[in-house]
Amino acid sequence: MPGNDEANWPRRQGGEGEVVRQEALRARDLYRAVLLLALLGLVGLFFGQILQFLVVSFVALLLSLALAAGAKLLARLRLPRAVGVIATLFILFGAFVAMGYALVPPLIEQFGQFLGDLPRILAMLQEQIGPRASGGDPSATQGVIARLEREISGLLATLNYDPLALARDALGFLRTVLGVASVLIVLVVAAVYAAIEPRPIVEGFLRLFPRHGRDRTRALLADLRVTLTRWMWGTAVDMTTVGLMTGLALRLVGFEFPLLFGVLAGLLTIVPFFGPIAATVLVGLVALAEGWVHALVCVSALVVVQQIEGNVLVPLIMRRAILLHPAVIALGILFVGWTIGPLAILVAVPILATARVLIRHLWIERVSPTEEGRAGDGRPGSEEKPEGSSGGGPKGEQVRTGAHERAQGARRLP
């Protein structure tokens, strides 16, 4: 009937419109899925390069935080922020130049002596270790030691008598140095600009999150800044102190290359647990060429230095900055080195500290905020409050819930 057809016409139009809308939604979901797969494919294809870029960006972030902390100290002298950042950069650069001027000439001299004595050290190691390691038969380890001696002798002969090979090696080394220098220049420039004007970067990052989550994200960034800044200054003090104590201890026990291995021990301190172990093993092997007693004395001196570091320096300097269990740090260093690469081990601890801050803000505080407060992590306000106060207990939760609902209602108002 005509009347029925006219009455059903809007319903048919509505049904057809709903079908068109659903088809459009399916097409949009399909496009999003294709784009997501393409993005995942690109990430998988360039995974190594992306990780290297993230590590370099993280190092730039650490440098910018150091420059910002120096500018904050210089702001007490009423210096503008830009002037304070540039002054901090020149102070750090001057400190490195002065340290290099004082340490590099004797380091080069001791390193040359070490290379010259290396064949003799290997021969002495063969005499000391060979019979014991092979049950009285020195020929069992003679092949390995002889191969090392040939490689070192060939390297020294190349450096001394083959100018073409020396020029070829020097050219490759120069290429590597230029590549590293270009990355460092870009890194320093980016860190300086980020330290001078961090607000656009922070505000742009906050815009990636909904409005109701920006306060939590801002608190996360502030906590992350404090944690990484404490780690940087604590690590600098720890490395310097360990290097000085190691060099002095090795000199007192009569080690042949105290400055070289003191600097090496200080640099390896940036990798907890594994760095000190590597320094101790190297010192023990070199000292073993002079006898088992001398090796035992040198290793004992390094163990004393490491005990002082672990029981005095780390509790005073690093514990408040990292707040991580030693087992977590050790396993985390292995994981970072395995997934990103050996060089990433140098920044494995700040990466782990960043992960701790993210997990605490994004997961722990949302799941059990009172448990986080009982943990007593040293932050102000982390201790548990009385039940009737506005910061904890059911009444405090009701106050916060009511305030949140009022804020949501205010946002809905025109």
Foldseek 3Di string as FASTA:
>chain_A
DVVVCVVCVVVVVVVVVVVVVVVVVVVVVVVVVVVVVVVVVVCVVCVQVVLVVVLLVVVLVLLLLQLLVQLVVCCVVVDASLVSSVVSVVVVVVVVVVVCVVQVVVLVVLVVVCLVCVLLLLVLLLVLVQCVVVVHDSVVCPVVSVVVSVVSVVVVCCVPPPVVVVVVVVVVVVVVVVVVVVSVVVSNVSSSVCNNDVVVVLVVVLVVDDPVCSVLVVVLVVLLSQLSNLVVVLLVVLLVVQLVQQLVLCVVLPQPRSNNLSNQLSLLVLQPPVSLVVSLVVSLSSLCSVHDVSSVSSSVSSVVSVVCCVPPSCVVRPCLNQVDDPVCSVVQLVVCCVSNHVVCSSCSRSVNSSVVSCCCSVPVCVVPVLVQLVVPSPDPPSHDDDQPDLPHHPNVVVVVVVVVVVVVVVVPDD
